[in-house]
Amino acid sequence: MEEDQPASRDEADAHSPDTASTGKGISASERDRRKKAVAFAVANAGLSGFNVPLETDPQLQRFIDGDIDLAELLDGNLSVDQLGK
């Protein structure tokens, strides 16, 4: 693991600025909804015994920020084979 990368999502969240920027015109409430949905999905995968790789975080952040929509996030982002169990 590289030294400058966070060891966990919690650590990554502690270092990421929470700005008012809403990407491609999404509202702050939509950004908050997306952030909660991503956190829920990652936690749900973890509770199901899967490991969502930290390498997916930039793509998840692009979804939260409104740079991509859900279809773009899911299109080729992760397959079940990539999830560690």
PDB file of N, CA and C in Angstrom:
ATOM      1  N   MET A   1       0.853  -1.184   0.000  1.00  0.00           N
ATOM      2  CA  MET A   1       0.000   0.000   0.000  1.00  0.00           C
ATOM      3  C   MET A   1       0.892   1.239   0.000  1.00  0.00           C
ATOM      4  N   GLU A   2       0.541   2.209  -0.839  1.00  0.00           N
ATOM      5  CA  GLU A   2       1.329   3.429  -0.890  1.00  0.00           C
ATOM      6  C   GLU A   2       1.131   4.232   0.385  1.00  0.00           C
ATOM      7  N   GLU A   3       2.177   4.929   0.775  1.00  0.00           N
ATOM      8  CA  GLU A   3       2.164   5.652   2.040  1.00  0.00           C
ATOM      9  C   GLU A   3       1.169   6.805   2.070  1.00  0.00           C
ATOM     10  N   ASP A   4       0.929   7.460   0.921  1.00  0.00           N
ATOM     11  CA  ASP A   4       0.062   8.624   0.919  1.00  0.00           C
ATOM     12  C   ASP A   4      -1.415   8.289   0.739  1.00  0.00           C
ATOM     13  N   GLN A   5      -1.762   7.016   0.577  1.00  0.00           N
ATOM     14  CA  GLN A   5      -3.156   6.635   0.425  1.00  0.00           C
ATOM     15  C   GLN A   5      -3.747   6.287   1.777  1.00  0.00           C
ATOM     16  N   PRO A   6      -5.006   6.675   2.020  1.00  0.00           N
ATOM     17  CA  PRO A   6      -5.650   6.328   3.286  1.00  0.00           C
ATOM     18  C   PRO A   6      -5.855   4.827   3.401  1.00  0.00           C
ATOM     19  N   ALA A   7      -5.808   4.324   4.615  1.00  0.00           N
ATOM     20  CA  ALA A   7      -5.965   2.896   4.859  1.00  0.00           C
ATOM     21  C   ALA A   7      -7.424   2.467   4.811  1.00  0.00           C
ATOM     22  N   SER A   8      -8.339   3.396   5.026  1.00  0.00           N
ATOM     23  CA  SER A   8      -9.751   3.056   5.050  1.00  0.00           C
ATOM     24  C   SER A   8     -10.576   4.206   4.501  1.00  0.00           C
ATOM     25  N   ARG A   9     -11.846   3.941   4.221  1.00  0.00           N
ATOM     26  CA  ARG A   9     -12.733   5.008   3.754  1.00  0.00           C
ATOM     27  C   ARG A   9     -12.941   6.066   4.834  1.00  0.00           C
ATOM     28  N   ASP A  10     -13.003   5.638   6.104  1.00  0.00           N
ATOM     29  CA  ASP A  10     -13.174   6.602   7.193  1.00  0.00           C
ATOM     30  C   ASP A  10     -12.015   7.587   7.216  1.00  0.00           C
ATOM     31  N   GLU A  11     -10.819   7.073   7.040  1.00  0.00           N
ATOM     32  CA  GLU A  11      -9.640   7.934   7.004  1.00  0.00           C
ATOM     33  C   GLU A  11      -9.679   8.835   5.776  1.00  0.00           C
ATOM     34  N   ALA A  12     -10.131   8.286   4.650  1.00  0.00           N
ATOM     35  CA  ALA A  12     -10.240   9.080   3.429  1.00  0.00           C
ATOM     36  C   ALA A  12     -11.241  10.208   3.616  1.00  0.00           C
ATOM     37  N   ASP A  13     -12.383   9.911   4.249  1.00  0.00           N
ATOM     38  CA  ASP A  13     -13.389  10.943   4.494  1.00  0.00           C
ATOM     39  C   ASP A  13     -12.856  12.055   5.377  1.00  0.00           C
ATOM     40  N   ALA A  14     -12.002  11.706   6.321  1.00  0.00           N
ATOM     41  CA  ALA A  14     -11.448  12.700   7.234  1.00  0.00           C
ATOM     42  C   ALA A  14     -10.547  13.687   6.504  1.00  0.00           C
ATOM     43  N   HIS A  15     -10.000  13.252   5.357  1.00  0.00           N
ATOM     44  CA  HIS A  15      -9.072  14.105   4.620  1.00  0.00           C
ATOM     45  C   HIS A  15      -9.695  14.781   3.406  1.00  0.00           C
ATOM     46  N   SER A  16     -10.923  14.420   3.051  1.00  0.00           N
ATOM     47  CA  SER A  16     -11.530  15.011   1.867  1.00  0.00           C
ATOM     48  C   SER A  16     -12.371  16.221   2.245  1.00  0.00           C
ATOM     49  N   PRO A  17     -12.169  17.327   1.520  1.00  0.00           N
ATOM     50  CA  PRO A  17     -12.946  18.531   1.834  1.00  0.00           C
ATOM     51  C   PRO A  17     -14.397  18.356   1.439  1.00  0.00           C
ATOM     52  N   ASP A  18     -15.311  18.808   2.275  1.00  0.00           N
ATOM     53  CA  ASP A  18     -16.732  18.750   1.968  1.00  0.00           C
ATOM     54  C   ASP A  18     -17.147  20.136   1.509  1.00  0.00           C
ATOM     55  N   THR A  19     -17.100  20.335   0.198  1.00  0.00           N
ATOM     56  CA  THR A  19     -17.358  21.657  -0.348  1.00  0.00           C
ATOM     57  C   THR A  19     -18.804  21.787  -0.783  1.00  0.00           C
ATOM     58  N   ALA A  20     -19.197  23.007  -1.092  1.00  0.00           N
ATOM     59  CA  ALA A  20     -20.556  23.267  -1.550  1.00  0.00           C
ATOM     60  C   ALA A  20     -20.696  23.013  -3.045  1.00  0.00           C
ATOM     61  N   SER A  21     -19.604  22.666  -3.719  1.00  0.00           N
ATOM     62  CA  SER A  21     -19.640  22.369  -5.139  1.00  0.00           C
ATOM     63  C   SER A  21     -20.576  21.197  -5.395  1.00  0.00           C
ATOM     64  N   THR A  22     -21.436  21.358  -6.387  1.00  0.00           N
ATOM     65  CA  THR A  22     -22.398  20.292  -6.658  1.00  0.00           C
ATOM     66  C   THR A  22     -22.223  19.702  -8.044  1.00  0.00           C
ATOM     67  N   GLY A  23     -21.062  19.826  -8.629  1.00  0.00           N
ATOM     68  CA  GLY A  23     -20.803  19.165  -9.906  1.00  0.00           C
ATOM     69  C   GLY A  23     -21.662  19.705 -11.022  1.00  0.00           C
ATOM     70  N   LYS A  24     -22.278  18.811 -11.770  1.00  0.00           N
ATOM     71  CA  LYS A  24     -23.047  19.186 -12.958  1.00  0.00           C
ATOM     72  C   LYS A  24     -24.456  19.646 -12.608  1.00  0.00           C
ATOM     73  N   GLY A  25     -24.551  20.621 -11.751  1.00  0.00           N
ATOM     74  CA  GLY A  25     -25.843  21.215 -11.468  1.00  0.00           C
ATOM     75  C   GLY A  25     -26.728  20.446 -10.514  1.00  0.00           C
ATOM     76  N   ILE A  26     -26.204  19.447  -9.828  1.00  0.00           N
ATOM     77  CA  ILE A  26     -27.062  18.769  -8.855  1.00  0.00           C
ATOM     78  C   ILE A  26     -27.147  19.636  -7.603  1.00  0.00           C
ATOM     79  N   SER A  27     -28.246  19.512  -6.919  1.00  0.00           N
ATOM     80  CA  SER A  27     -28.450  20.301  -5.708  1.00  0.00           C
ATOM     81  C   SER A  27     -27.633  19.726  -4.557  1.00  0.00           C
ATOM     82  N   ALA A  28     -27.481  20.513  -3.532  1.00  0.00           N
ATOM     83  CA  ALA A  28     -26.775  20.050  -2.333  1.00  0.00           C
ATOM     84  C   ALA A  28     -27.515  18.878  -1.700  1.00  0.00           C
ATOM     85  N   SER A  29     -28.839  18.904  -1.746  1.00  0.00           N
ATOM     86  CA  SER A  29     -29.600  17.795  -1.162  1.00  0.00           C
ATOM     87  C   SER A  29     -29.415  16.515  -1.983  1.00  0.00           C
ATOM     88  N   GLU A  30     -29.316  16.643  -3.316  1.00  0.00           N
ATOM     89  CA  GLU A  30     -29.061  15.469  -4.167  1.00  0.00           C
ATOM     90  C   GLU A  30     -27.656  14.925  -3.901  1.00  0.00           C
ATOM     91  N   ARG A  31     -26.693  15.812  -3.727  1.00  0.00           N
ATOM     92  CA  ARG A  31     -25.324  15.378  -3.419  1.00  0.00           C
ATOM     93  C   ARG A  31     -25.313  14.632  -2.086  1.00  0.00           C
ATOM     94  N   ASP A  32     -26.026  15.143  -1.101  1.00  0.00           N
ATOM     95  CA  ASP A  32     -26.104  14.492   0.206  1.00  0.00           C
ATOM     96  C   ASP A  32     -26.781  13.128   0.088  1.00  0.00           C
ATOM     97  N   ARG A  33     -27.845  13.053  -0.712  1.00  0.00           N
ATOM     98  CA  ARG A  33     -28.546  11.787  -0.929  1.00  0.00           C
ATOM     99  C   ARG A  33     -27.618  10.768  -1.563  1.00  0.00           C
ATOM    100  N   ARG A  34     -26.850  11.199  -2.561  1.00  0.00           N
ATOM    101  CA  ARG A  34     -25.907  10.302  -3.227  1.00  0.00           C
ATOM    102  C   ARG A  34     -24.805   9.841  -2.272  1.00  0.00           C
ATOM    103  N   LYS A  35     -24.320  10.750  -1.448  1.00  0.00           N
ATOM    104  CA  LYS A  35     -23.259  10.397  -0.490  1.00  0.00           C
ATOM    105  C   LYS A  35     -23.761   9.337   0.487  1.00  0.00           C
ATOM    106  N   LYS A  36     -24.988   9.514   0.973  1.00  0.00           N
ATOM    107  CA  LYS A  36     -25.573   8.529   1.887  1.00  0.00           C
ATOM    108  C   LYS A  36     -25.799   7.192   1.189  1.00  0.00           C
ATOM    109  N   ALA A  37     -26.237   7.230  -0.064  1.00  0.00           N
ATOM    110  CA  ALA A  37     -26.484   5.996  -0.813  1.00  0.00           C
ATOM    111  C   ALA A  37     -25.188   5.224  -1.036  1.00  0.00           C
ATOM    112  N   VAL A  38     -24.116   5.924  -1.359  1.00  0.00           N
ATOM    113  CA  VAL A  38     -22.819   5.271  -1.557  1.00  0.00           C
ATOM    114  C   VAL A  38     -22.325   4.674  -0.243  1.00  0.00           C
ATOM    115  N   ALA A  39     -22.439   5.423   0.841  1.00  0.00           N
ATOM    116  CA  ALA A  39     -22.014   4.906   2.150  1.00  0.00           C
ATOM    117  C   ALA A  39     -22.814   3.665   2.520  1.00  0.00           C
ATOM    118  N   PHE A  40     -24.118   3.688   2.261  1.00  0.00           N
ATOM    119  CA  PHE A  40     -24.962   2.535   2.551  1.00  0.00           C
ATOM    120  C   PHE A  40     -24.550   1.336   1.707  1.00  0.00           C
ATOM    121  N   ALA A  41     -24.317   1.557   0.414  1.00  0.00           N
ATOM    122  CA  ALA A  41     -23.950   0.457  -0.482  1.00  0.00           C
ATOM    123  C   ALA A  41     -22.614  -0.167  -0.082  1.00  0.00           C
ATOM    124  N   VAL A  42     -21.638   0.659   0.263  1.00  0.00           N
ATOM    125  CA  VAL A  42     -20.329   0.152   0.681  1.00  0.00           C
ATOM    126  C   VAL A  42     -20.466  -0.630   1.986  1.00  0.00           C
ATOM    127  N   ALA A  43     -21.231  -0.100   2.931  1.00  0.00           N
ATOM    128  CA  ALA A  43     -21.441  -0.799   4.207  1.00  0.00           C
ATOM    129  C   ALA A  43     -22.190  -2.107   3.993  1.00  0.00           C
ATOM    130  N   ASN A  44     -23.201  -2.081   3.132  1.00  0.00           N
ATOM    131  CA  ASN A  44     -23.971  -3.283   2.850  1.00  0.00           C
ATOM    132  C   ASN A  44     -23.089  -4.358   2.222  1.00  0.00           C
ATOM    133  N   ALA A  45     -22.229  -3.970   1.295  1.00  0.00           N
ATOM    134  CA  ALA A  45     -21.304  -4.932   0.686  1.00  0.00           C
ATOM    135  C   ALA A  45     -20.382  -5.519   1.749  1.00  0.00           C
ATOM    136  N   GLY A  46     -19.885  -4.670   2.653  1.00  0.00           N
ATOM    137  CA  GLY A  46     -19.018  -5.148   3.726  1.00  0.00           C
ATOM    138  C   GLY A  46     -19.718  -6.118   4.647  1.00  0.00           C
ATOM    139  N   LEU A  47     -20.958  -5.813   4.995  1.00  0.00           N
ATOM    140  CA  LEU A  47     -21.720  -6.707   5.867  1.00  0.00           C
ATOM    141  C   LEU A  47     -22.060  -8.027   5.178  1.00  0.00           C
ATOM    142  N   SER A  48     -22.069  -8.010   3.852  1.00  0.00           N
ATOM    143  CA  SER A  48     -22.348  -9.225   3.086  1.00  0.00           C
ATOM    144  C   SER A  48     -21.077 -10.043   2.847  1.00  0.00           C
ATOM    145  N   GLY A  49     -19.961  -9.562   3.381  1.00  0.00           N
ATOM    146  CA  GLY A  49     -18.704 -10.288   3.252  1.00  0.00           C
ATOM    147  C   GLY A  49     -17.859  -9.899   2.063  1.00  0.00           C
ATOM    148  N   PHE A  50     -18.247  -8.845   1.367  1.00  0.00           N
ATOM    149  CA  PHE A  50     -17.481  -8.380   0.215  1.00  0.00           C
ATOM    150  C   PHE A  50     -16.609  -7.197   0.625  1.00  0.00           C
ATOM    151  N   ASN A  51     -15.566  -6.963  -0.149  1.00  0.00           N
ATOM    152  CA  ASN A  51     -14.672  -5.843   0.078  1.00  0.00           C
ATOM    153  C   ASN A  51     -14.684  -4.968  -1.164  1.00  0.00           C
ATOM    154  N   VAL A  52     -15.192  -3.748  -1.051  1.00  0.00           N
ATOM    155  CA  VAL A  52     -15.175  -2.815  -2.173  1.00  0.00           C
ATOM    156  C   VAL A  52     -13.804  -2.154  -2.176  1.00  0.00           C
ATOM    157  N   PRO A  53     -13.004  -2.367  -3.225  1.00  0.00           N
ATOM    158  CA  PRO A  53     -11.641  -1.844  -3.251  1.00  0.00           C
ATOM    159  C   PRO A  53     -11.595  -0.319  -3.167  1.00  0.00           C
ATOM    160  N   LEU A  54     -10.612   0.200  -2.452  1.00  0.00           N
ATOM    161  CA  LEU A  54     -10.443   1.649  -2.336  1.00  0.00           C
ATOM    162  C   LEU A  54     -10.199   2.302  -3.696  1.00  0.00           C
ATOM    163  N   GLU A  55      -9.731   1.518  -4.665  1.00  0.00           N
ATOM    164  CA  GLU A  55      -9.479   2.056  -6.005  1.00  0.00           C
ATOM    165  C   GLU A  55     -10.755   2.549  -6.674  1.00  0.00           C
ATOM    166  N   THR A  56     -11.926   2.118  -6.181  1.00  0.00           N
ATOM    167  CA  THR A  56     -13.193   2.565  -6.756  1.00  0.00           C
ATOM    168  C   THR A  56     -13.636   3.915  -6.203  1.00  0.00           C
ATOM    169  N   ASP A  57     -12.982   4.389  -5.149  1.00  0.00           N
ATOM    170  CA  ASP A  57     -13.409   5.633  -4.511  1.00  0.00           C
ATOM    171  C   ASP A  57     -13.457   6.845  -5.448  1.00  0.00           C
ATOM    172  N   PRO A  58     -12.484   7.030  -6.355  1.00  0.00           N
ATOM    173  CA  PRO A  58     -12.604   8.194  -7.250  1.00  0.00           C
ATOM    174  C   PRO A  58     -13.868   8.150  -8.106  1.00  0.00           C
ATOM    175  N   GLN A  59     -14.247   6.962  -8.584  1.00  0.00           N
ATOM    176  CA  GLN A  59     -15.460   6.831  -9.386  1.00  0.00           C
ATOM    177  C   GLN A  59     -16.699   7.082  -8.528  1.00  0.00           C
ATOM    178  N   LEU A  60     -16.688   6.560  -7.303  1.00  0.00           N
ATOM    179  CA  LEU A  60     -17.812   6.812  -6.392  1.00  0.00           C
ATOM    180  C   LEU A  60     -17.931   8.300  -6.083  1.00  0.00           C
ATOM    181  N   GLN A  61     -16.794   8.969  -5.906  1.00  0.00           N
ATOM    182  CA  GLN A  61     -16.810  10.407  -5.619  1.00  0.00           C
ATOM    183  C   GLN A  61     -17.344  11.189  -6.811  1.00  0.00           C
ATOM    184  N   ARG A  62     -17.000  10.766  -8.029  1.00  0.00           N
ATOM    185  CA  ARG A  62     -17.527  11.431  -9.227  1.00  0.00           C
ATOM    186  C   ARG A  62     -19.052  11.328  -9.272  1.00  0.00           C
ATOM    187  N   PHE A  63     -19.600  10.179  -8.841  1.00  0.00           N
ATOM    188  CA  PHE A  63     -21.050  10.017  -8.774  1.00  0.00           C
ATOM    189  C   PHE A  63     -21.638  10.948  -7.724  1.00  0.00           C
ATOM    190  N   ILE A  64     -21.028  10.974  -6.540  1.00  0.00           N
ATOM    191  CA  ILE A  64     -21.514  11.844  -5.461  1.00  0.00           C
ATOM    192  C   ILE A  64     -21.517  13.300  -5.908  1.00  0.00           C
ATOM    193  N   ASP A  65     -20.469  13.708  -6.607  1.00  0.00           N
ATOM    194  CA  ASP A  65     -20.332  15.105  -7.034  1.00  0.00           C
ATOM    195  C   ASP A  65     -21.223  15.477  -8.213  1.00  0.00           C
ATOM    196  N   GLY A  66     -21.843  14.485  -8.844  1.00  0.00           N
ATOM    197  CA  GLY A  66     -22.725  14.769  -9.971  1.00  0.00           C
ATOM    198  C   GLY A  66     -22.023  14.797 -11.304  1.00  0.00           C
ATOM    199  N   ASP A  67     -20.756  14.366 -11.339  1.00  0.00           N
ATOM    200  CA  ASP A  67     -20.013  14.353 -12.596  1.00  0.00           C
ATOM    201  C   ASP A  67     -20.464  13.212 -13.504  1.00  0.00           C
ATOM    202  N   ILE A  68     -20.989  12.136 -12.903  1.00  0.00           N
ATOM    203  CA  ILE A  68     -21.534  11.009 -13.665  1.00  0.00           C
ATOM    204  C   ILE A  68     -22.862  10.610 -13.022  1.00  0.00           C
ATOM    205  N   ASP A  69     -23.710   9.948 -13.795  1.00  0.00           N
ATOM    206  CA  ASP A  69     -24.974   9.481 -13.231  1.00  0.00           C
ATOM    207  C   ASP A  69     -24.846   8.016 -12.822  1.00  0.00           C
ATOM    208  N   LEU A  70     -25.915   7.452 -12.294  1.00  0.00           N
ATOM    209  CA  LEU A  70     -25.872   6.087 -11.784  1.00  0.00           C
ATOM    210  C   LEU A  70     -25.541   5.079 -12.889  1.00  0.00           C
ATOM    211  N   ALA A  71     -26.116   5.272 -14.071  1.00  0.00           N
ATOM    212  CA  ALA A  71     -25.834   4.356 -15.183  1.00  0.00           C
ATOM    213  C   ALA A  71     -24.352   4.362 -15.526  1.00  0.00           C
ATOM    214  N   GLU A  72     -23.743   5.539 -15.546  1.00  0.00           N
ATOM    215  CA  GLU A  72     -22.306   5.635 -15.835  1.00  0.00           C
ATOM    216  C   GLU A  72     -21.474   5.008 -14.724  1.00  0.00           C
ATOM    217  N   LEU A  73     -21.912   5.157 -13.486  1.00  0.00           N
ATOM    218  CA  LEU A  73     -21.201   4.551 -12.359  1.00  0.00           C
ATOM    219  C   LEU A  73     -21.218   3.036 -12.472  1.00  0.00           C
ATOM    220  N   LEU A  74     -22.378   2.489 -12.805  1.00  0.00           N
ATOM    221  CA  LEU A  74     -22.522   1.038 -12.860  1.00  0.00           C
ATOM    222  C   LEU A  74     -21.978   0.428 -14.136  1.00  0.00           C
ATOM    223  N   ASP A  75     -21.866   1.216 -15.182  1.00  0.00           N
ATOM    224  CA  ASP A  75     -21.399   0.720 -16.472  1.00  0.00           C
ATOM    225  C   ASP A  75     -19.914   0.380 -16.415  1.00  0.00           C
ATOM    226  N   GLY A  76     -19.632  -0.885 -16.177  1.00  0.00           N
ATOM    227  CA  GLY A  76     -18.251  -1.332 -16.186  1.00  0.00           C
ATOM    228  C   GLY A  76     -17.446  -0.959 -14.966  1.00  0.00           C
ATOM    229  N   ASN A  77     -18.074  -0.415 -13.933  1.00  0.00           N
ATOM    230  CA  ASN A  77     -17.315   0.012 -12.756  1.00  0.00           C
ATOM    231  C   ASN A  77     -16.812  -1.171 -11.948  1.00  0.00           C
ATOM    232  N   LEU A  78     -17.687  -2.018 -11.514  1.00  0.00           N
ATOM    233  CA  LEU A  78     -17.312  -3.158 -10.684  1.00  0.00           C
ATOM    234  C   LEU A  78     -18.087  -4.388 -11.109  1.00  0.00           C
ATOM    235  N   SER A  79     -17.425  -5.495 -11.125  1.00  0.00           N
ATOM    236  CA  SER A  79     -18.119  -6.755 -11.301  1.00  0.00           C
ATOM    237  C   SER A  79     -17.964  -7.533 -10.000  1.00  0.00           C
ATOM    238  N   VAL A  80     -18.786  -8.529  -9.835  1.00  0.00           N
ATOM    239  CA  VAL A  80     -18.728  -9.342  -8.621  1.00  0.00           C
ATOM    240  C   VAL A  80     -17.341  -9.974  -8.484  1.00  0.00           C
ATOM    241  N   ASP A  81     -16.699 -10.289  -9.624  1.00  0.00           N
ATOM    242  CA  ASP A  81     -15.370 -10.897  -9.577  1.00  0.00           C
ATOM    243  C   ASP A  81     -14.333  -9.974  -8.957  1.00  0.00           C
ATOM    244  N   GLN A  82     -14.535  -8.651  -9.022  1.00  0.00           N
ATOM    245  CA  GLN A  82     -13.586  -7.706  -8.461  1.00  0.00           C
ATOM    246  C   GLN A  82     -13.755  -7.507  -6.975  1.00  0.00           C
ATOM    247  N   LEU A  83     -14.887  -7.914  -6.443  1.00  0.00           N
ATOM    248  CA  LEU A  83     -15.131  -7.753  -5.007  1.00  0.00           C
ATOM    249  C   LEU A  83     -14.462  -8.887  -4.256  1.00  0.00           C
ATOM    250  N   GLY A  84     -13.580  -8.544  -3.326  1.00  0.00           N
ATOM    251  CA  GLY A  84     -12.919  -9.574  -2.543  1.00  0.00           C
ATOM    252  C   GLY A  84     -13.856 -10.168  -1.526  1.00  0.00           C
ATOM    253  N   LYS A  85     -13.826 -11.446  -1.352  1.00  0.00           N
ATOM    254  CA  LYS A  85     -14.694 -12.078  -0.361  1.00  0.00           C
ATOM    255  C   LYS A  85     -13.872 -12.929   0.552  1.00  0.00           C
TER     256      LYS A  85
END
